[in-house]
Amino acid sequence: MLITLKQAAQKIKAANKILITSHIQPDGDAIGSTLATLQMLRALGKSAQIFIDDDVRKNLHFLPHFEEIQRPAENINFDADLLLILDTSPDRTGKIRDLIAAPILNIDHHVTNKNDAGDLFLDSDAAATCEIIFALANELNVKITSEIAICLYTGLATDTGFFQFSNTRAKTLKIAAELVNCGVKPNFISENMETRSLNEILSMKTALNSLKIFYGGKVAGMFLDLQTMQNCDSTEGFIDLIRVIDGVDVAFLISERSKNVCRVSMRSKGVDVSKIANELGGGGHIRAAGCTLYKTLDDAGKILVEAIGKAL
């Protein structure tokens, strides 16, 4: 059921033990929003914990309270009375949803959110879920500390491409400025987010060698097999290497994570890639989206290229 942000705040106030989670393959907005919310809930005197069913890439480990994020095993030793799902729909939280029986409160900004479980506050105009959490802090009457601000700014920066993407609005920049006033140092965030291991830099060469062009130069894609992925710490930023190619509207990266499991990331300048991702079982934004295809790398590539071609 769709609810207002005020109603979402009321549900949070009524709960005592809150488990926070986000999507698998978490990005800066997922981690930033969960860590900021964790601190806000504890400021209200709530018992709160974060569980995420995936690894978190190293360039986000600098965020305050990162060490408190747990990955679930066979069970979760936390008797929550509210499951707070941020930056995604419940179906993309891995095993979390099956391990927690608490009522769901979902806060998201993805237009592809199916609204199929619990209560949902959705603001598809927000540049990032962290933008919503900034507003939620006001509803909860929680002061934004410097540590909360660092987490929120990181989410904003991630989902706007450091304020370069088309989802950057005047409101987004105003919030970023207020976070700077709360103690954020933008250079500190960017330096941490841009840090890459030697393996990642070397893997970029392999990724670029796999580059293929489709539909007369309108589509560019990279294909990373399992062996490459096993030697790669992260593919963060790889897609940006080809997104900027002159004439390319849609850029994609397919990475083989295990046998018959391939993760897809897409970026676009004009095509609504969220619709493509949604048709393939994923989701995201109009200009940035992704999905998981349970196929071989070759078959996944064929399916994706065909789907993009139809959208073009």
Protein backbone atom coordinates (compact mmCIF):
# COMPACT_ATOMS: atom_id res chain seq x y z
CA MET A 1 0.00 0.00 0.00
CA LEU A 2 1.30 3.44 -0.90
CA ILE A 3 1.72 5.75 2.08
CA THR A 4 3.01 9.25 2.76
CA LEU A 5 6.41 10.04 4.26
CA LYS A 6 4.65 11.25 7.41
CA GLN A 7 2.89 7.89 7.70
CA ALA A 8 6.21 6.13 7.19
CA ALA A 9 7.70 8.17 10.02
CA GLN A 10 4.78 7.23 12.26
CA LYS A 11 5.33 3.53 11.59
CA ILE A 12 9.00 3.90 12.48
CA LYS A 13 8.14 5.72 15.70
CA ALA A 14 5.73 2.93 16.65
CA ALA A 15 8.36 0.19 16.22
CA ASN A 16 11.00 -0.78 18.78
CA LYS A 17 13.28 -3.25 17.01
CA ILE A 18 13.93 -2.45 13.36
CA LEU A 19 15.92 -4.50 10.88
CA ILE A 20 17.23 -2.45 7.95
CA THR A 21 18.14 -3.92 4.59
CA SER A 22 18.64 -3.05 0.92
CA HIS A 23 19.27 -4.75 -2.40
CA ILE A 24 21.85 -7.31 -3.39
CA GLN A 25 24.88 -5.87 -5.21
CA PRO A 26 24.53 -2.76 -3.02
CA ASP A 27 25.72 0.61 -4.31
CA GLY A 28 26.51 3.87 -2.55
CA ASP A 29 22.86 4.85 -2.21
CA ALA A 30 21.91 1.49 -0.71
CA ILE A 31 24.74 1.55 1.83
CA GLY A 32 24.55 5.29 2.49
CA SER A 33 20.80 5.22 3.15
CA THR A 34 20.94 2.16 5.43
CA LEU A 35 23.85 3.51 7.50
CA ALA A 36 22.28 6.95 7.81
CA THR A 37 18.97 5.42 8.87
CA LEU A 38 20.69 3.16 11.39
CA GLN A 39 22.13 6.20 13.16
CA MET A 40 18.83 8.08 12.99
CA LEU A 41 16.90 5.18 14.55
CA ARG A 42 19.39 4.82 17.37
CA ALA A 43 19.11 8.56 18.01
CA LEU A 44 15.41 7.88 18.61
CA GLY A 45 16.27 5.16 21.11
CA LYS A 46 15.35 2.29 18.76
CA SER A 47 17.13 -1.03 18.58
CA ALA A 48 18.31 -1.30 14.97
CA GLN A 49 20.59 -3.47 12.88
CA ILE A 50 21.54 -3.76 9.19
CA PHE A 51 21.60 -7.06 7.30
CA ILE A 52 22.46 -7.14 3.59
CA ASP A 53 22.63 -10.39 1.63
CA ASP A 54 25.72 -9.56 -0.42
CA ASP A 55 29.26 -8.27 -0.14
CA VAL A 56 29.87 -4.53 -0.06
CA ARG A 57 32.61 -3.19 -2.31
CA LYS A 58 35.72 -1.88 -0.62
CA ASN A 59 35.40 1.77 -1.64
CA LEU A 60 32.35 2.07 0.66
CA HIS A 61 34.07 0.68 3.74
CA PHE A 62 35.07 4.19 4.83
CA LEU A 63 31.48 5.11 5.74
CA PRO A 64 30.73 5.58 9.46
CA HIS A 65 29.41 2.40 11.15
CA PHE A 66 30.12 0.27 8.07
CA GLU A 67 31.53 -2.45 10.35
CA GLU A 68 28.03 -2.98 11.79
CA ILE A 69 26.60 -4.27 8.51
CA GLN A 70 26.02 -8.01 8.78
CA ARG A 71 25.44 -10.64 6.11
CA PRO A 72 22.81 -13.25 7.03
CA ALA A 73 23.72 -16.90 7.38
CA GLU A 74 21.04 -19.56 7.83
CA ASN A 75 19.13 -17.34 10.23
CA ILE A 76 19.08 -13.84 11.68
CA ASN A 77 19.43 -13.43 15.42
CA PHE A 78 17.38 -10.25 15.63
CA ASP A 79 13.73 -10.34 16.66
CA ALA A 80 12.52 -7.35 14.62
CA ASP A 81 9.03 -5.88 14.79
CA LEU A 82 9.60 -3.91 11.56
CA LEU A 83 11.55 -4.74 8.40
CA LEU A 84 12.69 -1.50 6.79
CA ILE A 85 13.67 -2.02 3.13
CA LEU A 86 15.51 0.88 1.50
CA ASP A 87 16.38 1.70 -2.11
CA THR A 88 14.73 -1.39 -3.60
CA SER A 89 11.62 -3.52 -3.72
CA PRO A 90 11.39 -6.52 -1.35
CA ASP A 91 12.07 -9.06 -4.11
CA ARG A 92 15.67 -7.83 -4.51
CA THR A 93 16.79 -8.31 -0.90
CA GLY A 94 18.01 -11.89 -1.34
CA LYS A 95 17.19 -14.21 1.55
CA ILE A 96 16.38 -11.38 4.00
CA ARG A 97 12.67 -11.33 3.26
CA ASP A 98 12.38 -15.07 3.90
CA LEU A 99 14.26 -14.88 7.19
CA ILE A 100 12.23 -12.03 8.73
CA ALA A 101 8.49 -12.27 9.37
CA ALA A 102 8.05 -8.67 10.55
CA PRO A 103 5.76 -6.18 8.76
CA ILE A 104 7.48 -4.42 5.85
CA LEU A 105 8.04 -0.71 5.43
CA ASN A 106 9.57 0.02 2.03
CA ILE A 107 11.15 3.40 1.16
CA ASP A 108 12.38 3.76 -2.41
CA HIS A 109 12.85 6.04 -5.41
CA HIS A 110 12.89 3.46 -8.22
CA VAL A 111 9.98 3.82 -10.62
CA THR A 112 10.10 0.05 -11.22
CA ASN A 113 9.17 -0.78 -7.61
CA LYS A 114 6.27 -3.22 -7.92
CA ASN A 115 4.66 -2.29 -4.57
CA ASP A 116 3.91 -5.96 -3.92
CA ALA A 117 4.54 -6.22 -0.18
CA GLY A 118 3.90 -4.13 2.91
CA ASP A 119 3.70 -0.34 3.03
CA LEU A 120 5.60 1.69 0.46
CA PHE A 121 6.69 5.30 0.32
CA LEU A 122 7.86 5.93 -3.24
CA ASP A 123 9.26 9.17 -4.62
CA SER A 124 10.41 8.46 -8.16
CA ASP A 125 11.42 12.12 -8.58
CA ALA A 126 14.06 11.83 -5.87
CA ALA A 127 17.59 11.52 -7.24
CA ALA A 128 18.46 8.95 -4.58
CA THR A 129 16.92 7.20 -1.60
CA CYS A 130 19.33 9.24 0.51
CA GLU A 131 17.42 12.31 -0.64
CA ILE A 132 14.27 10.77 0.88
CA ILE A 133 16.09 9.83 4.10
CA PHE A 134 17.19 13.46 4.41
CA ALA A 135 13.50 14.45 4.40
CA LEU A 136 12.65 11.57 6.76
CA ALA A 137 15.09 12.95 9.32
CA ASN A 138 12.98 16.09 9.46
CA GLU A 139 9.78 14.05 9.90
CA LEU A 140 11.42 12.13 12.74
CA ASN A 141 12.86 15.32 14.25
CA VAL A 142 16.37 13.82 14.18
CA LYS A 143 19.42 16.07 13.92
CA ILE A 144 21.70 15.27 10.99
CA THR A 145 25.14 14.74 12.47
CA SER A 146 28.33 14.87 10.44
CA GLU A 147 28.43 11.05 10.29
CA ILE A 148 24.84 10.84 9.04
CA ALA A 149 25.62 13.59 6.52
CA ILE A 150 28.61 11.67 5.13
CA CYS A 151 26.41 8.65 4.46
CA LEU A 152 23.65 10.71 2.83
CA TYR A 153 26.04 12.71 0.65
CA THR A 154 27.68 9.50 -0.58
CA GLY A 155 24.30 8.15 -1.68
CA LEU A 156 23.44 11.38 -3.47
CA ALA A 157 26.82 11.50 -5.19
CA THR A 158 26.62 7.86 -6.28
CA ASP A 159 23.18 8.00 -7.85
CA THR A 160 23.78 11.32 -9.63
CA GLY A 161 27.23 10.47 -10.98
CA PHE A 162 28.64 13.13 -8.67
CA PHE A 163 25.87 15.50 -9.79
CA GLN A 164 26.45 15.00 -13.52
CA PHE A 165 23.44 12.81 -14.42
CA SER A 166 20.08 14.10 -15.63
CA ASN A 167 18.41 13.27 -12.29
CA THR A 168 20.36 16.07 -10.59
CA ARG A 169 17.86 18.78 -9.66
CA ALA A 170 18.16 22.11 -7.86
CA LYS A 171 16.67 20.38 -4.82
CA THR A 172 19.37 17.71 -4.95
CA LEU A 173 22.13 20.30 -5.00
CA LYS A 174 20.49 22.23 -2.17
CA ILE A 175 20.41 19.09 -0.02
CA ALA A 176 24.06 18.40 -0.89
CA ALA A 177 24.94 21.94 0.21
CA GLU A 178 23.12 21.46 3.51
CA LEU A 179 25.04 18.22 4.08
CA VAL A 180 28.29 20.08 3.47
CA ASN A 181 27.17 22.55 6.12
CA CYS A 182 26.72 19.55 8.44
CA GLY A 183 30.40 18.66 8.06
CA VAL A 184 30.79 16.75 4.81
CA LYS A 185 34.02 17.26 2.89
CA PRO A 186 33.20 16.49 -0.78
CA ASN A 187 36.84 15.81 -1.66
CA PHE A 188 37.02 13.17 1.11
CA ILE A 189 33.97 11.39 -0.34
CA SER A 190 35.19 11.53 -3.95
CA GLU A 191 38.72 10.39 -3.09
CA ASN A 192 37.38 7.32 -1.28
CA MET A 193 34.79 6.53 -3.94
CA GLU A 194 37.28 6.87 -6.79
CA THR A 195 39.98 4.71 -5.21
CA ARG A 196 40.66 1.55 -7.24
CA SER A 197 42.90 -1.44 -6.61
CA LEU A 198 45.58 -2.37 -9.12
CA ASN A 199 43.53 -5.44 -10.04
CA GLU A 200 40.55 -3.24 -10.91
CA ILE A 201 42.66 -1.03 -13.18
CA LEU A 202 44.12 -4.07 -14.94
CA SER A 203 40.62 -5.56 -15.25
CA MET A 204 39.47 -2.41 -17.02
CA LYS A 205 41.87 -3.31 -19.83
CA THR A 206 40.28 -6.75 -20.11
CA ALA A 207 36.81 -5.20 -20.04
CA LEU A 208 37.64 -2.77 -22.84
CA ASN A 209 39.09 -5.62 -24.91
CA SER A 210 35.66 -7.30 -24.71
CA LEU A 211 33.89 -4.22 -26.09
CA LYS A 212 31.32 -4.85 -28.83
CA ILE A 213 29.27 -2.31 -30.76
CA PHE A 214 25.70 -2.93 -31.95
CA TYR A 215 22.96 -1.22 -33.98
CA GLY A 216 25.19 1.07 -35.97
CA GLY A 217 27.04 2.43 -32.96
CA LYS A 218 23.99 3.17 -30.80
CA VAL A 219 24.75 0.40 -28.32
CA ALA A 220 28.05 -0.55 -26.67
CA GLY A 221 28.57 -3.54 -24.40
CA MET A 222 31.29 -5.25 -22.38
CA PHE A 223 31.30 -8.96 -21.55
CA LEU A 224 33.23 -10.23 -18.51
CA ASP A 225 33.48 -13.99 -18.08
CA LEU A 226 33.76 -15.86 -14.79
CA GLN A 227 37.55 -16.13 -14.91
CA THR A 228 37.88 -12.37 -15.35
CA MET A 229 35.43 -11.72 -12.51
CA GLN A 230 37.36 -14.01 -10.16
CA ASN A 231 40.41 -11.76 -10.65
CA CYS A 232 38.46 -8.52 -10.37
CA ASP A 233 37.75 -6.80 -7.06
CA SER A 234 34.91 -4.69 -8.48
CA THR A 235 33.40 -3.55 -11.79
CA GLU A 236 32.27 -0.23 -10.36
CA GLY A 237 32.80 2.50 -12.92
CA PHE A 238 33.59 0.16 -15.81
CA ILE A 239 30.39 1.02 -17.66
CA ASP A 240 31.27 4.72 -17.54
CA LEU A 241 34.25 3.97 -19.78
CA ILE A 242 31.90 3.24 -22.68
CA ARG A 243 28.87 5.32 -21.72
CA VAL A 244 30.67 8.39 -23.04
CA ILE A 245 31.41 7.00 -26.53
CA ASP A 246 30.16 9.42 -29.19
CA GLY A 247 26.91 8.15 -30.72
CA VAL A 248 26.23 5.52 -28.03
CA ASP A 249 22.77 5.76 -26.48
CA VAL A 250 22.79 2.56 -24.41
CA ALA A 251 25.85 1.10 -22.71
CA PHE A 252 25.82 -2.18 -20.85
CA LEU A 253 28.08 -4.48 -18.87
CA ILE A 254 27.39 -8.21 -18.46
CA SER A 255 29.44 -10.00 -15.82
CA GLU A 256 29.34 -13.76 -15.22
CA ARG A 257 29.15 -14.36 -11.46
CA SER A 258 28.73 -18.15 -11.42
CA LYS A 259 27.56 -20.87 -13.79
CA ASN A 260 24.46 -19.61 -15.60
CA VAL A 261 24.26 -16.44 -13.48
CA CYS A 262 25.03 -13.12 -15.19
CA ARG A 263 24.52 -9.65 -13.77
CA VAL A 264 23.63 -6.82 -16.12
CA SER A 265 24.14 -3.07 -15.70
CA MET A 266 22.81 -0.55 -18.21
CA ARG A 267 23.17 3.20 -18.73
CA SER A 268 21.49 5.35 -21.35
CA LYS A 269 21.24 8.87 -22.71
CA GLY A 270 17.74 8.58 -24.16
CA VAL A 271 16.25 5.09 -23.92
CA ASP A 272 14.31 4.12 -20.78
CA VAL A 273 16.49 1.22 -19.63
CA SER A 274 14.31 0.66 -16.54
CA LYS A 275 11.66 -0.81 -18.85
CA ILE A 276 14.21 -3.15 -20.41
CA ALA A 277 15.43 -4.25 -16.98
CA ASN A 278 11.88 -4.70 -15.71
CA GLU A 279 11.02 -6.97 -18.65
CA LEU A 280 14.06 -9.08 -17.79
CA GLY A 281 13.18 -9.36 -14.10
CA GLY A 282 15.19 -6.43 -12.78
CA GLY A 283 14.62 -2.74 -12.20
CA GLY A 284 16.18 0.65 -11.69
CA HIS A 285 16.00 4.13 -13.14
CA ILE A 286 15.13 5.52 -16.55
CA ARG A 287 18.81 6.15 -17.30
CA ALA A 288 20.42 3.47 -15.10
CA ALA A 289 19.08 -0.02 -14.48
CA GLY A 290 20.07 -3.65 -14.11
CA CYS A 291 18.98 -7.24 -13.77
CA THR A 292 20.23 -10.79 -13.31
CA LEU A 293 19.95 -13.30 -16.16
CA TYR A 294 20.20 -16.99 -15.32
CA LYS A 295 21.87 -17.90 -18.59
CA THR A 296 25.32 -18.48 -19.99
CA LEU A 297 27.26 -15.33 -20.83
CA ASP A 298 26.67 -15.80 -24.55
CA ASP A 299 22.93 -16.42 -24.17
CA ALA A 300 22.53 -13.56 -21.70
CA GLY A 301 24.24 -11.24 -24.18
CA LYS A 302 21.95 -12.28 -27.01
CA ILE A 303 18.82 -11.81 -24.89
CA LEU A 304 19.95 -8.38 -23.68
CA VAL A 305 21.03 -7.08 -27.09
CA GLU A 306 17.70 -8.19 -28.58
CA ALA A 307 15.74 -6.49 -25.77
CA ILE A 308 17.72 -3.25 -26.23
CA GLY A 309 17.14 -3.41 -29.97
CA LYS A 310 13.38 -3.59 -29.45
CA ALA A 311 13.54 -0.58 -27.14
CA LEU A 312 15.52 1.38 -29.73
